[in-house]
Amino acid sequence: MTDQAIHAKSYVCTHVFDGARPVLYVTRPDGDWCFLCGGEHPDNADAYRVVGMNHVVEDDRTLIDVLDLDTNEEAERRSVGDDWVRSMCAPD
């Protein structure tokens, strides 16, 4: 991953942003990076924040393992340190 790519914008849920929960679900719908806790969230912009991807990775270096996801791929894990399970994003 290039320096420019690691500084790309990403979306995080407020749980991850506030440090209340770890990233357990990474998805790239339409190419956008989303780092989420895996929990339920309202379907509105108030539940998410936009941050540089580098900030998320700095907080959890295990995310490096999924930074090769392609557009419309996702990865999920049960807890930090567990193996990532990869799949294609469900169609809308």
PDB file of N, CA and C in Angstrom:
ATOM      1  N   MET A   1       0.851  -1.178   0.000  1.00  0.00           N
ATOM      2  CA  MET A   1       0.000   0.000   0.000  1.00  0.00           C
ATOM      3  C   MET A   1       0.895   1.239   0.000  1.00  0.00           C
ATOM      4  N   THR A   2       0.558   2.188  -0.832  1.00  0.00           N
ATOM      5  CA  THR A   2       1.358   3.402  -0.950  1.00  0.00           C
ATOM      6  C   THR A   2       1.063   4.357   0.202  1.00  0.00           C
ATOM      7  N   ASP A   3       1.962   5.320   0.395  1.00  0.00           N
ATOM      8  CA  ASP A   3       1.737   6.337   1.431  1.00  0.00           C
ATOM      9  C   ASP A   3       0.452   7.103   1.176  1.00  0.00           C
ATOM     10  N   GLN A   4       0.190   7.398  -0.095  1.00  0.00           N
ATOM     11  CA  GLN A   4      -1.025   8.129  -0.430  1.00  0.00           C
ATOM     12  C   GLN A   4      -2.257   7.299  -0.074  1.00  0.00           C
ATOM     13  N   ALA A   5      -2.216   5.997  -0.351  1.00  0.00           N
ATOM     14  CA  ALA A   5      -3.363   5.140  -0.070  1.00  0.00           C
ATOM     15  C   ALA A   5      -3.616   5.010   1.431  1.00  0.00           C
ATOM     16  N   ILE A   6      -2.564   4.912   2.230  1.00  0.00           N
ATOM     17  CA  ILE A   6      -2.742   4.746   3.672  1.00  0.00           C
ATOM     18  C   ILE A   6      -3.330   6.001   4.310  1.00  0.00           C
ATOM     19  N   HIS A   7      -3.245   7.128   3.650  1.00  0.00           N
ATOM     20  CA  HIS A   7      -3.821   8.372   4.162  1.00  0.00           C
ATOM     21  C   HIS A   7      -5.196   8.661   3.557  1.00  0.00           C
ATOM     22  N   ALA A   8      -5.726   7.703   2.801  1.00  0.00           N
ATOM     23  CA  ALA A   8      -7.037   7.874   2.181  1.00  0.00           C
ATOM     24  C   ALA A   8      -8.116   7.997   3.251  1.00  0.00           C
ATOM     25  N   LYS A   9      -9.226   8.615   2.881  1.00  0.00           N
ATOM     26  CA  LYS A   9     -10.328   8.738   3.839  1.00  0.00           C
ATOM     27  C   LYS A   9     -10.947   7.369   4.083  1.00  0.00           C
ATOM     28  N   SER A  10     -11.435   7.212   5.279  1.00  0.00           N
ATOM     29  CA  SER A  10     -12.161   5.998   5.622  1.00  0.00           C
ATOM     30  C   SER A  10     -13.309   6.388   6.550  1.00  0.00           C
ATOM     31  N   TYR A  11     -14.276   5.519   6.599  1.00  0.00           N
ATOM     32  CA  TYR A  11     -15.441   5.727   7.454  1.00  0.00           C
ATOM     33  C   TYR A  11     -15.322   4.786   8.646  1.00  0.00           C
ATOM     34  N   VAL A  12     -15.551   5.312   9.834  1.00  0.00           N
ATOM     35  CA  VAL A  12     -15.562   4.501  11.042  1.00  0.00           C
ATOM     36  C   VAL A  12     -16.861   4.770  11.788  1.00  0.00           C
ATOM     37  N   CYS A  13     -17.356   3.746  12.460  1.00  0.00           N
ATOM     38  CA  CYS A  13     -18.541   3.972  13.285  1.00  0.00           C
ATOM     39  C   CYS A  13     -18.119   4.750  14.530  1.00  0.00           C
ATOM     40  N   THR A  14     -19.062   5.360  15.174  1.00  0.00           N
ATOM     41  CA  THR A  14     -18.746   6.162  16.357  1.00  0.00           C
ATOM     42  C   THR A  14     -18.167   5.307  17.477  1.00  0.00           C
ATOM     43  N   HIS A  15     -18.520   4.026  17.537  1.00  0.00           N
ATOM     44  CA  HIS A  15     -17.954   3.141  18.563  1.00  0.00           C
ATOM     45  C   HIS A  15     -16.442   3.016  18.397  1.00  0.00           C
ATOM     46  N   VAL A  16     -16.002   2.851  17.151  1.00  0.00           N
ATOM     47  CA  VAL A  16     -14.561   2.763  16.865  1.00  0.00           C
ATOM     48  C   VAL A  16     -13.918   4.132  17.059  1.00  0.00           C
ATOM     49  N   PHE A  17     -14.553   5.165  16.559  1.00  0.00           N
ATOM     50  CA  PHE A  17     -14.007   6.518  16.670  1.00  0.00           C
ATOM     51  C   PHE A  17     -13.767   6.905  18.129  1.00  0.00           C
ATOM     52  N   ASP A  18     -14.720   6.563  19.000  1.00  0.00           N
ATOM     53  CA  ASP A  18     -14.620   6.906  20.418  1.00  0.00           C
ATOM     54  C   ASP A  18     -13.727   5.944  21.206  1.00  0.00           C
ATOM     55  N   GLY A  19     -13.270   4.870  20.561  1.00  0.00           N
ATOM     56  CA  GLY A  19     -12.431   3.882  21.240  1.00  0.00           C
ATOM     57  C   GLY A  19     -13.206   2.951  22.150  1.00  0.00           C
ATOM     58  N   ALA A  20     -14.538   2.927  22.012  1.00  0.00           N
ATOM     59  CA  ALA A  20     -15.374   2.081  22.858  1.00  0.00           C
ATOM     60  C   ALA A  20     -15.357   0.625  22.414  1.00  0.00           C
ATOM     61  N   ARG A  21     -15.148   0.379  21.115  1.00  0.00           N
ATOM     62  CA  ARG A  21     -15.124  -0.977  20.564  1.00  0.00           C
ATOM     63  C   ARG A  21     -14.013  -1.076  19.522  1.00  0.00           C
ATOM     64  N   PRO A  22     -13.472  -2.291  19.330  1.00  0.00           N
ATOM     65  CA  PRO A  22     -12.438  -2.477  18.313  1.00  0.00           C
ATOM     66  C   PRO A  22     -13.049  -2.675  16.930  1.00  0.00           C
ATOM     67  N   VAL A  23     -12.209  -2.591  15.924  1.00  0.00           N
ATOM     68  CA  VAL A  23     -12.639  -2.887  14.558  1.00  0.00           C
ATOM     69  C   VAL A  23     -12.726  -4.401  14.401  1.00  0.00           C
ATOM     70  N   LEU A  24     -13.925  -4.875  14.095  1.00  0.00           N
ATOM     71  CA  LEU A  24     -14.140  -6.299  13.863  1.00  0.00           C
ATOM     72  C   LEU A  24     -14.677  -6.566  12.464  1.00  0.00           C
ATOM     73  N   TYR A  25     -14.968  -5.507  11.726  1.00  0.00           N
ATOM     74  CA  TYR A  25     -15.564  -5.654  10.395  1.00  0.00           C
ATOM     75  C   TYR A  25     -14.996  -4.560   9.502  1.00  0.00           C
ATOM     76  N   VAL A  26     -14.379  -4.978   8.399  1.00  0.00           N
ATOM     77  CA  VAL A  26     -13.828  -4.044   7.417  1.00  0.00           C
ATOM     78  C   VAL A  26     -14.509  -4.338   6.096  1.00  0.00           C
ATOM     79  N   THR A  27     -15.001  -3.307   5.461  1.00  0.00           N
ATOM     80  CA  THR A  27     -15.701  -3.497   4.201  1.00  0.00           C
ATOM     81  C   THR A  27     -15.326  -2.396   3.220  1.00  0.00           C
ATOM     82  N   ARG A  28     -15.436  -2.724   1.922  1.00  0.00           N
ATOM     83  CA  ARG A  28     -15.099  -1.747   0.880  1.00  0.00           C
ATOM     84  C   ARG A  28     -16.227  -1.628  -0.146  1.00  0.00           C
ATOM     85  N   PRO A  29     -17.421  -1.265   0.275  1.00  0.00           N
ATOM     86  CA  PRO A  29     -18.504  -1.115  -0.693  1.00  0.00           C
ATOM     87  C   PRO A  29     -18.183   0.006  -1.678  1.00  0.00           C
ATOM     88  N   ASP A  30     -18.259  -0.299  -2.918  1.00  0.00           N
ATOM     89  CA  ASP A  30     -17.978   0.676  -3.980  1.00  0.00           C
ATOM     90  C   ASP A  30     -16.584   1.284  -3.852  1.00  0.00           C
ATOM     91  N   GLY A  31     -15.669   0.583  -3.165  1.00  0.00           N
ATOM     92  CA  GLY A  31     -14.291   1.037  -3.044  1.00  0.00           C
ATOM     93  C   GLY A  31     -13.977   1.866  -1.818  1.00  0.00           C
ATOM     94  N   ASP A  32     -15.004   2.327  -1.086  1.00  0.00           N
ATOM     95  CA  ASP A  32     -14.775   3.110   0.130  1.00  0.00           C
ATOM     96  C   ASP A  32     -14.336   2.185   1.265  1.00  0.00           C
ATOM     97  N   TRP A  33     -13.372   2.629   2.050  1.00  0.00           N
ATOM     98  CA  TRP A  33     -12.926   1.872   3.222  1.00  0.00           C
ATOM     99  C   TRP A  33     -13.832   2.178   4.398  1.00  0.00           C
ATOM    100  N   CYS A  34     -14.326   1.131   5.057  1.00  0.00           N
ATOM    101  CA  CYS A  34     -15.147   1.267   6.249  1.00  0.00           C
ATOM    102  C   CYS A  34     -14.591   0.350   7.330  1.00  0.00           C
ATOM    103  N   PHE A  35     -14.281   0.926   8.485  1.00  0.00           N
ATOM    104  CA  PHE A  35     -13.765   0.181   9.626  1.00  0.00           C
ATOM    105  C   PHE A  35     -14.811   0.259  10.727  1.00  0.00           C
ATOM    106  N   LEU A  36     -15.453  -0.860  11.001  1.00  0.00           N
ATOM    107  CA  LEU A  36     -16.627  -0.867  11.869  1.00  0.00           C
ATOM    108  C   LEU A  36     -16.477  -1.873  13.002  1.00  0.00           C
ATOM    109  N   CYS A  37     -17.282  -1.694  14.031  1.00  0.00           N
ATOM    110  CA  CYS A  37     -17.218  -2.586  15.192  1.00  0.00           C
ATOM    111  C   CYS A  37     -17.980  -3.884  14.970  1.00  0.00           C
ATOM    112  N   GLY A  38     -18.822  -3.925  13.961  1.00  0.00           N
ATOM    113  CA  GLY A  38     -19.614  -5.117  13.694  1.00  0.00           C
ATOM    114  C   GLY A  38     -20.981  -5.087  14.341  1.00  0.00           C
ATOM    115  N   GLY A  39     -21.258  -4.061  15.136  1.00  0.00           N
ATOM    116  CA  GLY A  39     -22.558  -3.933  15.789  1.00  0.00           C
ATOM    117  C   GLY A  39     -23.580  -3.246  14.903  1.00  0.00           C
ATOM    118  N   GLU A  40     -24.745  -3.060  15.437  1.00  0.00           N
ATOM    119  CA  GLU A  40     -25.825  -2.372  14.717  1.00  0.00           C
ATOM    120  C   GLU A  40     -25.632  -0.860  14.827  1.00  0.00           C
ATOM    121  N   HIS A  41     -25.965  -0.162  13.742  1.00  0.00           N
ATOM    122  CA  HIS A  41     -25.855   1.298  13.713  1.00  0.00           C
ATOM    123  C   HIS A  41     -27.056   1.874  12.974  1.00  0.00           C
ATOM    124  N   PRO A  42     -27.487   3.053  13.370  1.00  0.00           N
ATOM    125  CA  PRO A  42     -28.553   3.710  12.614  1.00  0.00           C
ATOM    126  C   PRO A  42     -28.081   3.986  11.184  1.00  0.00           C
ATOM    127  N   ASP A  43     -28.989   4.016  10.273  1.00  0.00           N
ATOM    128  CA  ASP A  43     -28.650   4.264   8.875  1.00  0.00           C
ATOM    129  C   ASP A  43     -28.664   5.768   8.609  1.00  0.00           C
ATOM    130  N   ASN A  44     -27.754   6.482   9.301  1.00  0.00           N
ATOM    131  CA  ASN A  44     -27.624   7.914   9.051  1.00  0.00           C
ATOM    132  C   ASN A  44     -26.185   8.341   9.327  1.00  0.00           C
ATOM    133  N   ALA A  45     -25.836   9.480   8.832  1.00  0.00           N
ATOM    134  CA  ALA A  45     -24.456   9.964   8.894  1.00  0.00           C
ATOM    135  C   ALA A  45     -23.975  10.218  10.322  1.00  0.00           C
ATOM    136  N   ASP A  46     -24.874  10.436  11.266  1.00  0.00           N
ATOM    137  CA  ASP A  46     -24.470  10.698  12.645  1.00  0.00           C
ATOM    138  C   ASP A  46     -23.775   9.511  13.298  1.00  0.00           C
ATOM    139  N   ALA A  47     -23.941   8.320  12.756  1.00  0.00           N
ATOM    140  CA  ALA A  47     -23.357   7.109  13.338  1.00  0.00           C
ATOM    141  C   ALA A  47     -21.927   6.854  12.851  1.00  0.00           C
ATOM    142  N   TYR A  48     -21.413   7.727  11.982  1.00  0.00           N
ATOM    143  CA  TYR A  48     -20.108   7.501  11.358  1.00  0.00           C
ATOM    144  C   TYR A  48     -19.256   8.770  11.379  1.00  0.00           C
ATOM    145  N   ARG A  49     -17.961   8.574  11.286  1.00  0.00           N
ATOM    146  CA  ARG A  49     -17.010   9.674  11.180  1.00  0.00           C
ATOM    147  C   ARG A  49     -16.075   9.373  10.018  1.00  0.00           C
ATOM    148  N   VAL A  50     -15.511  10.412   9.435  1.00  0.00           N
ATOM    149  CA  VAL A  50     -14.534  10.264   8.359  1.00  0.00           C
ATOM    150  C   VAL A  50     -13.165  10.585   8.929  1.00  0.00           C
ATOM    151  N   VAL A  51     -12.231   9.652   8.769  1.00  0.00           N
ATOM    152  CA  VAL A  51     -10.865   9.835   9.264  1.00  0.00           C
ATOM    153  C   VAL A  51      -9.881   9.305   8.237  1.00  0.00           C
ATOM    154  N   GLY A  52      -8.647   9.726   8.345  1.00  0.00           N
ATOM    155  CA  GLY A  52      -7.603   9.149   7.521  1.00  0.00           C
ATOM    156  C   GLY A  52      -7.382   7.698   7.931  1.00  0.00           C
ATOM    157  N   MET A  53      -7.273   6.818   6.958  1.00  0.00           N
ATOM    158  CA  MET A  53      -7.119   5.401   7.243  1.00  0.00           C
ATOM    159  C   MET A  53      -5.897   5.136   8.127  1.00  0.00           C
ATOM    160  N   ASN A  54      -4.867   5.944   7.989  1.00  0.00           N
ATOM    161  CA  ASN A  54      -3.659   5.752   8.790  1.00  0.00           C
ATOM    162  C   ASN A  54      -3.941   5.828  10.288  1.00  0.00           C
ATOM    163  N   HIS A  55      -4.898   6.655  10.706  1.00  0.00           N
ATOM    164  CA  HIS A  55      -5.221   6.774  12.122  1.00  0.00           C
ATOM    165  C   HIS A  55      -5.841   5.487  12.668  1.00  0.00           C
ATOM    166  N   VAL A  56      -6.660   4.852  11.865  1.00  0.00           N
ATOM    167  CA  VAL A  56      -7.298   3.604  12.289  1.00  0.00           C
ATOM    168  C   VAL A  56      -6.238   2.506  12.410  1.00  0.00           C
ATOM    169  N   VAL A  57      -5.357   2.426  11.429  1.00  0.00           N
ATOM    170  CA  VAL A  57      -4.319   1.396  11.429  1.00  0.00           C
ATOM    171  C   VAL A  57      -3.309   1.629  12.550  1.00  0.00           C
ATOM    172  N   GLU A  58      -3.005   2.878  12.840  1.00  0.00           N
ATOM    173  CA  GLU A  58      -2.088   3.172  13.950  1.00  0.00           C
ATOM    174  C   GLU A  58      -2.660   2.686  15.281  1.00  0.00           C
ATOM    175  N   ASP A  59      -3.977   2.755  15.436  1.00  0.00           N
ATOM    176  CA  ASP A  59      -4.617   2.299  16.671  1.00  0.00           C
ATOM    177  C   ASP A  59      -4.693   0.778  16.758  1.00  0.00           C
ATOM    178  N   ASP A  60      -4.684   0.086  15.613  1.00  0.00           N
ATOM    179  CA  ASP A  60      -4.787  -1.376  15.590  1.00  0.00           C
ATOM    180  C   ASP A  60      -3.971  -1.913  14.416  1.00  0.00           C
ATOM    181  N   ARG A  61      -2.735  -2.268  14.691  1.00  0.00           N
ATOM    182  CA  ARG A  61      -1.814  -2.724  13.643  1.00  0.00           C
ATOM    183  C   ARG A  61      -2.266  -4.040  12.997  1.00  0.00           C
ATOM    184  N   THR A  62      -3.164  -4.793  13.631  1.00  0.00           N
ATOM    185  CA  THR A  62      -3.629  -6.045  13.029  1.00  0.00           C
ATOM    186  C   THR A  62      -4.483  -5.790  11.794  1.00  0.00           C
ATOM    187  N   LEU A  63      -4.910  -4.560  11.588  1.00  0.00           N
ATOM    188  CA  LEU A  63      -5.691  -4.223  10.392  1.00  0.00           C
ATOM    189  C   LEU A  63      -4.854  -4.307   9.122  1.00  0.00           C
ATOM    190  N   ILE A  64      -3.537  -4.283   9.269  1.00  0.00           N
ATOM    191  CA  ILE A  64      -2.651  -4.397   8.104  1.00  0.00           C
ATOM    192  C   ILE A  64      -2.977  -5.666   7.318  1.00  0.00           C
ATOM    193  N   ASP A  65      -3.436  -6.703   8.002  1.00  0.00           N
ATOM    194  CA  ASP A  65      -3.741  -7.981   7.361  1.00  0.00           C
ATOM    195  C   ASP A  65      -4.867  -7.903   6.332  1.00  0.00           C
ATOM    196  N   VAL A  66      -5.690  -6.865   6.385  1.00  0.00           N
ATOM    197  CA  VAL A  66      -6.817  -6.763   5.444  1.00  0.00           C
ATOM    198  C   VAL A  66      -6.732  -5.543   4.535  1.00  0.00           C
ATOM    199  N   LEU A  67      -5.604  -4.883   4.519  1.00  0.00           N
ATOM    200  CA  LEU A  67      -5.474  -3.697   3.671  1.00  0.00           C
ATOM    201  C   LEU A  67      -5.300  -4.038   2.198  1.00  0.00           C
ATOM    202  N   ASP A  68      -5.379  -5.321   1.869  1.00  0.00           N
ATOM    203  CA  ASP A  68      -5.339  -5.746   0.474  1.00  0.00           C
ATOM    204  C   ASP A  68      -6.735  -6.078  -0.062  1.00  0.00           C
ATOM    205  N   LEU A  69      -7.780  -5.755   0.703  1.00  0.00           N
ATOM    206  CA  LEU A  69      -9.147  -6.001   0.229  1.00  0.00           C
ATOM    207  C   LEU A  69      -9.404  -5.227  -1.052  1.00  0.00           C
ATOM    208  N   ASP A  70     -10.099  -5.862  -1.968  1.00  0.00           N
ATOM    209  CA  ASP A  70     -10.496  -5.201  -3.201  1.00  0.00           C
ATOM    210  C   ASP A  70     -11.861  -4.546  -3.020  1.00  0.00           C
ATOM    211  N   THR A  71     -12.243  -3.747  -3.978  1.00  0.00           N
ATOM    212  CA  THR A  71     -13.568  -3.147  -3.991  1.00  0.00           C
ATOM    213  C   THR A  71     -14.626  -4.233  -3.867  1.00  0.00           C
ATOM    214  N   ASN A  72     -15.614  -3.984  -3.033  1.00  0.00           N
ATOM    215  CA  ASN A  72     -16.740  -4.879  -2.776  1.00  0.00           C
ATOM    216  C   ASN A  72     -16.353  -6.168  -2.058  1.00  0.00           C
ATOM    217  N   GLU A  73     -15.221  -6.151  -1.349  1.00  0.00           N
ATOM    218  CA  GLU A  73     -14.852  -7.249  -0.467  1.00  0.00           C
ATOM    219  C   GLU A  73     -15.001  -6.791   0.978  1.00  0.00           C
ATOM    220  N   GLU A  74     -15.086  -7.765   1.882  1.00  0.00           N
ATOM    221  CA  GLU A  74     -15.191  -7.471   3.295  1.00  0.00           C
ATOM    222  C   GLU A  74     -14.454  -8.538   4.088  1.00  0.00           C
ATOM    223  N   ALA A  75     -14.133  -8.207   5.324  1.00  0.00           N
ATOM    224  CA  ALA A  75     -13.493  -9.156   6.227  1.00  0.00           C
ATOM    225  C   ALA A  75     -14.056  -8.937   7.622  1.00  0.00           C
ATOM    226  N   GLU A  76     -14.233 -10.039   8.336  1.00  0.00           N
ATOM    227  CA  GLU A  76     -14.817  -9.963   9.672  1.00  0.00           C
ATOM    228  C   GLU A  76     -14.056 -10.907  10.596  1.00  0.00           C
ATOM    229  N   ARG A  77     -14.005 -10.562  11.871  1.00  0.00           N
ATOM    230  CA  ARG A  77     -13.377 -11.411  12.886  1.00  0.00           C
ATOM    231  C   ARG A  77     -14.182 -11.320  14.170  1.00  0.00           C
ATOM    232  N   ARG A  78     -14.024 -12.323  15.026  1.00  0.00           N
ATOM    233  CA  ARG A  78     -14.775 -12.352  16.293  1.00  0.00           C
ATOM    234  C   ARG A  78     -14.194 -11.388  17.316  1.00  0.00           C
ATOM    235  N   SER A  79     -12.858 -11.289  17.365  1.00  0.00           N
ATOM    236  CA  SER A  79     -12.198 -10.395  18.306  1.00  0.00           C
ATOM    237  C   SER A  79     -10.819 -10.046  17.770  1.00  0.00           C
ATOM    238  N   VAL A  80     -10.194  -9.032  18.338  1.00  0.00           N
ATOM    239  CA  VAL A  80      -8.858  -8.620  17.922  1.00  0.00           C
ATOM    240  C   VAL A  80      -7.917  -9.801  18.128  1.00  0.00           C
ATOM    241  N   GLY A  81      -7.124 -10.090  17.115  1.00  0.00           N
ATOM    242  CA  GLY A  81      -6.193 -11.213  17.173  1.00  0.00           C
ATOM    243  C   GLY A  81      -6.722 -12.458  16.501  1.00  0.00           C
ATOM    244  N   ASP A  82      -8.038 -12.569  16.326  1.00  0.00           N
ATOM    245  CA  ASP A  82      -8.606 -13.707  15.605  1.00  0.00           C
ATOM    246  C   ASP A  82      -8.335 -13.563  14.115  1.00  0.00           C
ATOM    247  N   ASP A  83      -8.444 -14.677  13.403  1.00  0.00           N
ATOM    248  CA  ASP A  83      -8.275 -14.653  11.953  1.00  0.00           C
ATOM    249  C   ASP A  83      -9.432 -13.906  11.299  1.00  0.00           C
ATOM    250  N   TRP A  84      -9.107 -13.215  10.220  1.00  0.00           N
ATOM    251  CA  TRP A  84     -10.115 -12.525   9.418  1.00  0.00           C
ATOM    252  C   TRP A  84     -10.768 -13.533   8.479  1.00  0.00           C
ATOM    253  N   VAL A  85     -12.072 -13.446   8.337  1.00  0.00           N
ATOM    254  CA  VAL A  85     -12.825 -14.246   7.376  1.00  0.00           C
ATOM    255  C   VAL A  85     -13.261 -13.297   6.277  1.00  0.00           C
ATOM    256  N   ARG A  86     -12.802 -13.574   5.065  1.00  0.00           N
ATOM    257  CA  ARG A  86     -13.067 -12.688   3.933  1.00  0.00           C
ATOM    258  C   ARG A  86     -14.234 -13.197   3.092  1.00  0.00           C
ATOM    259  N   SER A  87     -14.945 -12.263   2.483  1.00  0.00           N
ATOM    260  CA  SER A  87     -16.038 -12.599   1.580  1.00  0.00           C
ATOM    261  C   SER A  87     -16.332 -11.406   0.684  1.00  0.00           C
ATOM    262  N   MET A  88     -17.218 -11.603  -0.253  1.00  0.00           N
ATOM    263  CA  MET A  88     -17.672 -10.519  -1.106  1.00  0.00           C
ATOM    264  C   MET A  88     -18.811  -9.791  -0.386  1.00  0.00           C
ATOM    265  N   CYS A  89     -18.898  -8.490  -0.568  1.00  0.00           N
ATOM    266  CA  CYS A  89     -19.994  -7.711   0.010  1.00  0.00           C
ATOM    267  C   CYS A  89     -21.313  -8.189  -0.582  1.00  0.00           C
ATOM    268  N   ALA A  90     -22.322  -8.221   0.225  1.00  0.00           N
ATOM    269  CA  ALA A  90     -23.655  -8.578  -0.266  1.00  0.00           C
ATOM    270  C   ALA A  90     -24.151  -7.479  -1.187  1.00  0.00           C
ATOM    271  N   PRO A  91     -24.773  -7.849  -2.314  1.00  0.00           N
ATOM    272  CA  PRO A  91     -25.306  -6.813  -3.208  1.00  0.00           C
ATOM    273  C   PRO A  91     -26.430  -6.029  -2.527  1.00  0.00           C
ATOM    274  N   ASP A  92     -26.573  -4.762  -2.900  1.00  0.00           N
ATOM    275  CA  ASP A  92     -27.626  -3.913  -2.310  1.00  0.00           C
ATOM    276  C   ASP A  92     -28.995  -4.386  -2.686  1.00  0.00           C
TER     277      ASP A  92
END
